[in-house]
């Protein structure tokens, strides 16, 4: 109750959501990001936040990622990507 919940459908949490306006209303300057997946949603949100002028930190121990295969089939292990 009373907690702000913002549902997202894109990689960046700022795309097609009210996150930027909500953070602005709270006079937020610094963001600390955690969650899934480090090489997609967290990366996109962090880059977008930086573009918007937020000081942004990603907590490596509180994020996760998955193995990824390149277009030519080479496998990159999650711990290397992370």
N, C-alpha and C. Protein backbone atom coordinates (compact mmCIF):
# COMPACT_ATOMS: atom_id res chain seq x y z
N UNK A 1 0.82 -1.18 0.00
CA UNK A 1 0.00 0.00 0.00
C UNK A 1 0.87 1.25 0.00
N UNK A 2 0.61 2.15 -0.89
CA UNK A 2 1.36 3.39 -0.98
C UNK A 2 2.65 3.29 -1.75
N UNK A 3 3.01 2.10 -2.20
CA UNK A 3 4.25 1.92 -2.95
C UNK A 3 4.02 2.21 -4.42
N UNK A 4 4.94 2.93 -5.04
CA UNK A 4 4.85 3.25 -6.45
C UNK A 4 5.21 2.02 -7.27
N UNK A 5 4.32 1.59 -8.15
CA UNK A 5 4.57 0.46 -9.03
C UNK A 5 4.44 0.96 -10.47
N UNK A 6 5.49 0.73 -11.25
CA UNK A 6 5.48 1.13 -12.66
C UNK A 6 5.74 -0.10 -13.50
N UNK A 7 4.77 -0.45 -14.32
CA UNK A 7 4.89 -1.62 -15.19
C UNK A 7 5.55 -1.20 -16.49
N UNK A 8 6.49 -2.03 -16.97
CA UNK A 8 7.18 -1.70 -18.21
C UNK A 8 7.06 -2.84 -19.21
N UNK A 9 7.18 -2.48 -20.49
CA UNK A 9 7.09 -3.48 -21.55
C UNK A 9 8.32 -3.46 -22.47
N UNK A 10 9.20 -2.52 -22.28
CA UNK A 10 10.39 -2.37 -23.11
C UNK A 10 11.64 -2.60 -22.27
N UNK A 11 12.80 -2.68 -22.89
CA UNK A 11 14.04 -2.90 -22.14
C UNK A 11 14.31 -1.79 -21.15
N UNK A 12 14.26 -0.54 -21.60
CA UNK A 12 14.48 0.58 -20.68
C UNK A 12 13.22 0.84 -19.87
N UNK A 13 13.40 1.01 -18.59
CA UNK A 13 12.26 1.30 -17.72
C UNK A 13 11.66 2.68 -17.97
N UNK A 14 12.33 3.50 -18.76
CA UNK A 14 11.84 4.84 -19.05
C UNK A 14 10.94 4.90 -20.29
N UNK A 15 11.01 3.89 -21.16
CA UNK A 15 10.27 3.91 -22.42
C UNK A 15 8.81 3.56 -22.18
N UNK A 16 7.94 4.46 -22.60
CA UNK A 16 6.48 4.28 -22.52
C UNK A 16 5.99 4.01 -21.09
N UNK A 17 6.68 4.64 -20.10
CA UNK A 17 6.23 4.57 -18.71
C UNK A 17 6.24 5.98 -18.13
N UNK A 18 5.79 6.10 -16.91
CA UNK A 18 5.80 7.40 -16.24
C UNK A 18 6.95 7.50 -15.23
N UNK A 19 7.96 6.64 -15.40
CA UNK A 19 9.07 6.63 -14.46
C UNK A 19 9.79 7.97 -14.39
N UNK A 20 10.11 8.56 -15.53
CA UNK A 20 10.83 9.84 -15.51
C UNK A 20 10.04 10.91 -14.77
N UNK A 21 8.76 11.01 -15.04
CA UNK A 21 7.96 12.04 -14.37
C UNK A 21 7.82 11.74 -12.88
N UNK A 22 7.69 10.48 -12.51
CA UNK A 22 7.59 10.11 -11.09
C UNK A 22 8.88 10.45 -10.36
N UNK A 23 10.02 10.17 -10.96
CA UNK A 23 11.30 10.51 -10.34
C UNK A 23 11.49 12.01 -10.25
N UNK A 24 11.02 12.71 -11.26
CA UNK A 24 11.10 14.17 -11.25
C UNK A 24 10.27 14.76 -10.11
N UNK A 25 9.07 14.22 -9.91
CA UNK A 25 8.20 14.68 -8.82
C UNK A 25 8.86 14.47 -7.46
N UNK A 26 9.69 13.44 -7.36
CA UNK A 26 10.39 13.13 -6.11
C UNK A 26 11.74 13.84 -5.99
N UNK A 27 12.06 14.67 -7.00
CA UNK A 27 13.35 15.36 -7.04
C UNK A 27 14.54 14.41 -6.96
N UNK A 28 14.42 13.29 -7.63
CA UNK A 28 15.45 12.26 -7.62
C UNK A 28 16.61 12.65 -8.53
N UNK A 29 17.82 12.49 -8.03
CA UNK A 29 19.01 12.77 -8.82
C UNK A 29 19.88 11.55 -9.02
N UNK A 30 19.78 10.57 -8.10
CA UNK A 30 20.64 9.39 -8.13
C UNK A 30 19.76 8.14 -8.21
N UNK A 31 20.14 7.22 -9.10
CA UNK A 31 19.44 5.94 -9.22
C UNK A 31 20.41 4.81 -8.91
N UNK A 32 19.93 3.82 -8.18
CA UNK A 32 20.69 2.61 -7.90
C UNK A 32 19.88 1.46 -8.49
N UNK A 33 20.45 0.79 -9.48
CA UNK A 33 19.71 -0.24 -10.22
C UNK A 33 20.11 -1.64 -9.80
N UNK A 34 19.12 -2.52 -9.72
CA UNK A 34 19.30 -3.94 -9.45
C UNK A 34 18.31 -4.68 -10.33
N UNK A 35 18.46 -6.00 -10.44
CA UNK A 35 17.44 -6.80 -11.12
C UNK A 35 17.94 -7.63 -12.28
N UNK A 36 17.00 -7.99 -13.15
CA UNK A 36 17.28 -8.80 -14.34
C UNK A 36 17.09 -7.95 -15.57
N UNK A 37 17.64 -8.19 -16.60
CA UNK A 37 18.90 -8.85 -16.85
C UNK A 37 19.95 -7.78 -17.11
N UNK A 38 21.14 -8.01 -16.57
CA UNK A 38 22.19 -6.99 -16.59
C UNK A 38 22.52 -6.54 -18.00
N UNK A 39 22.58 -7.46 -18.94
CA UNK A 39 22.98 -7.10 -20.30
C UNK A 39 21.82 -6.67 -21.19
N UNK A 40 20.65 -6.53 -20.65
CA UNK A 40 19.51 -6.05 -21.45
C UNK A 40 18.78 -4.94 -20.70
N UNK A 41 17.86 -5.28 -19.85
CA UNK A 41 17.02 -4.28 -19.18
C UNK A 41 17.81 -3.33 -18.28
N UNK A 42 18.71 -3.88 -17.48
CA UNK A 42 19.49 -3.02 -16.58
C UNK A 42 20.40 -2.11 -17.41
N UNK A 43 21.05 -2.66 -18.41
CA UNK A 43 21.92 -1.86 -19.27
C UNK A 43 21.14 -0.75 -19.96
N UNK A 44 20.00 -1.09 -20.55
CA UNK A 44 19.19 -0.10 -21.27
C UNK A 44 18.69 0.99 -20.33
N UNK A 45 18.24 0.60 -19.15
CA UNK A 45 17.74 1.57 -18.18
C UNK A 45 18.87 2.47 -17.67
N UNK A 46 20.03 1.89 -17.40
CA UNK A 46 21.17 2.67 -16.92
C UNK A 46 21.62 3.69 -17.97
N UNK A 47 21.71 3.28 -19.20
CA UNK A 47 22.13 4.20 -20.27
C UNK A 47 21.10 5.31 -20.45
N UNK A 48 19.84 4.94 -20.43
CA UNK A 48 18.76 5.91 -20.59
C UNK A 48 18.77 6.90 -19.42
N UNK A 49 18.94 6.39 -18.22
CA UNK A 49 18.99 7.25 -17.03
C UNK A 49 20.13 8.25 -17.14
N UNK A 50 21.28 7.78 -17.58
CA UNK A 50 22.43 8.66 -17.74
C UNK A 50 22.14 9.73 -18.78
N UNK A 51 21.52 9.35 -19.90
CA UNK A 51 21.15 10.32 -20.93
C UNK A 51 20.20 11.39 -20.38
N UNK A 52 19.37 10.99 -19.41
CA UNK A 52 18.42 11.93 -18.82
C UNK A 52 19.05 12.78 -17.71
N UNK A 53 20.31 12.52 -17.39
CA UNK A 53 21.01 13.33 -16.40
C UNK A 53 21.06 12.76 -15.00
N UNK A 54 20.57 11.55 -14.80
CA UNK A 54 20.64 10.93 -13.48
C UNK A 54 22.06 10.39 -13.23
N UNK A 55 22.53 10.51 -12.01
CA UNK A 55 23.73 9.79 -11.59
C UNK A 55 23.26 8.37 -11.34
N UNK A 56 23.89 7.40 -12.02
CA UNK A 56 23.34 6.04 -12.03
C UNK A 56 24.39 5.02 -11.61
N UNK A 57 23.98 4.14 -10.70
CA UNK A 57 24.84 3.06 -10.24
C UNK A 57 24.13 1.74 -10.48
N UNK A 58 24.90 0.72 -10.87
CA UNK A 58 24.37 -0.63 -11.03
C UNK A 58 25.06 -1.51 -9.98
N UNK A 59 24.27 -2.19 -9.18
CA UNK A 59 24.81 -3.06 -8.13
C UNK A 59 25.05 -4.44 -8.74
N UNK A 60 26.30 -4.72 -9.05
CA UNK A 60 26.65 -5.97 -9.72
C UNK A 60 26.21 -7.21 -8.97
N UNK A 61 26.33 -7.19 -7.64
CA UNK A 61 25.93 -8.35 -6.84
C UNK A 61 24.42 -8.51 -6.71
N UNK A 62 23.67 -7.53 -7.22
CA UNK A 62 22.21 -7.60 -7.14
C UNK A 62 21.59 -7.58 -8.54
N UNK A 63 22.38 -8.04 -9.53
CA UNK A 63 21.88 -8.18 -10.89
C UNK A 63 22.25 -9.57 -11.39
N UNK A 64 21.64 -9.98 -12.46
CA UNK A 64 21.95 -11.29 -13.05
C UNK A 64 21.82 -11.21 -14.55
N UNK A 65 22.43 -12.17 -15.21
CA UNK A 65 22.30 -12.26 -16.66
C UNK A 65 22.35 -13.73 -17.05
N UNK A 66 22.23 -14.01 -18.32
CA UNK A 66 22.19 -15.36 -18.85
C UNK A 66 23.27 -15.53 -19.91
N UNK A 67 23.62 -16.79 -20.21
CA UNK A 67 24.50 -17.05 -21.34
C UNK A 67 23.86 -16.50 -22.60
N UNK A 68 24.70 -16.02 -23.53
CA UNK A 68 24.20 -15.45 -24.78
C UNK A 68 24.98 -16.04 -25.94
N UNK A 69 24.27 -16.37 -27.01
CA UNK A 69 24.91 -16.84 -28.24
C UNK A 69 24.94 -15.71 -29.25
N UNK A 70 26.08 -15.56 -29.93
CA UNK A 70 26.20 -14.53 -30.96
C UNK A 70 25.53 -15.01 -32.24
N UNK A 71 25.47 -14.14 -33.22
CA UNK A 71 24.81 -14.47 -34.50
C UNK A 71 25.49 -15.65 -35.19
N UNK A 72 26.78 -15.89 -34.91
CA UNK A 72 27.49 -17.01 -35.53
C UNK A 72 27.53 -18.25 -34.62
N UNK A 73 26.78 -18.22 -33.53
CA UNK A 73 26.66 -19.38 -32.66
C UNK A 73 27.67 -19.46 -31.53
N UNK A 74 28.58 -18.50 -31.43
CA UNK A 74 29.55 -18.52 -30.33
C UNK A 74 28.84 -18.22 -29.02
N UNK A 75 29.13 -19.05 -28.01
CA UNK A 75 28.49 -18.91 -26.71
C UNK A 75 29.34 -18.03 -25.80
N UNK A 76 28.70 -17.03 -25.20
CA UNK A 76 29.34 -16.18 -24.22
C UNK A 76 28.68 -16.47 -22.87
N UNK A 77 29.49 -16.93 -21.93
CA UNK A 77 28.99 -17.33 -20.62
C UNK A 77 28.53 -16.11 -19.82
N UNK A 78 27.52 -16.32 -19.00
CA UNK A 78 26.91 -15.23 -18.21
C UNK A 78 27.93 -14.52 -17.33
N UNK A 79 28.85 -15.28 -16.71
CA UNK A 79 29.80 -14.62 -15.81
C UNK A 79 30.74 -13.69 -16.56
N UNK A 80 31.02 -13.96 -17.82
CA UNK A 80 31.86 -13.06 -18.63
C UNK A 80 31.08 -11.81 -19.03
N UNK A 81 29.83 -11.99 -19.39
CA UNK A 81 28.99 -10.86 -19.79
C UNK A 81 28.72 -9.96 -18.58
N UNK A 82 28.43 -10.57 -17.46
CA UNK A 82 28.09 -9.84 -16.25
C UNK A 82 29.24 -8.98 -15.81
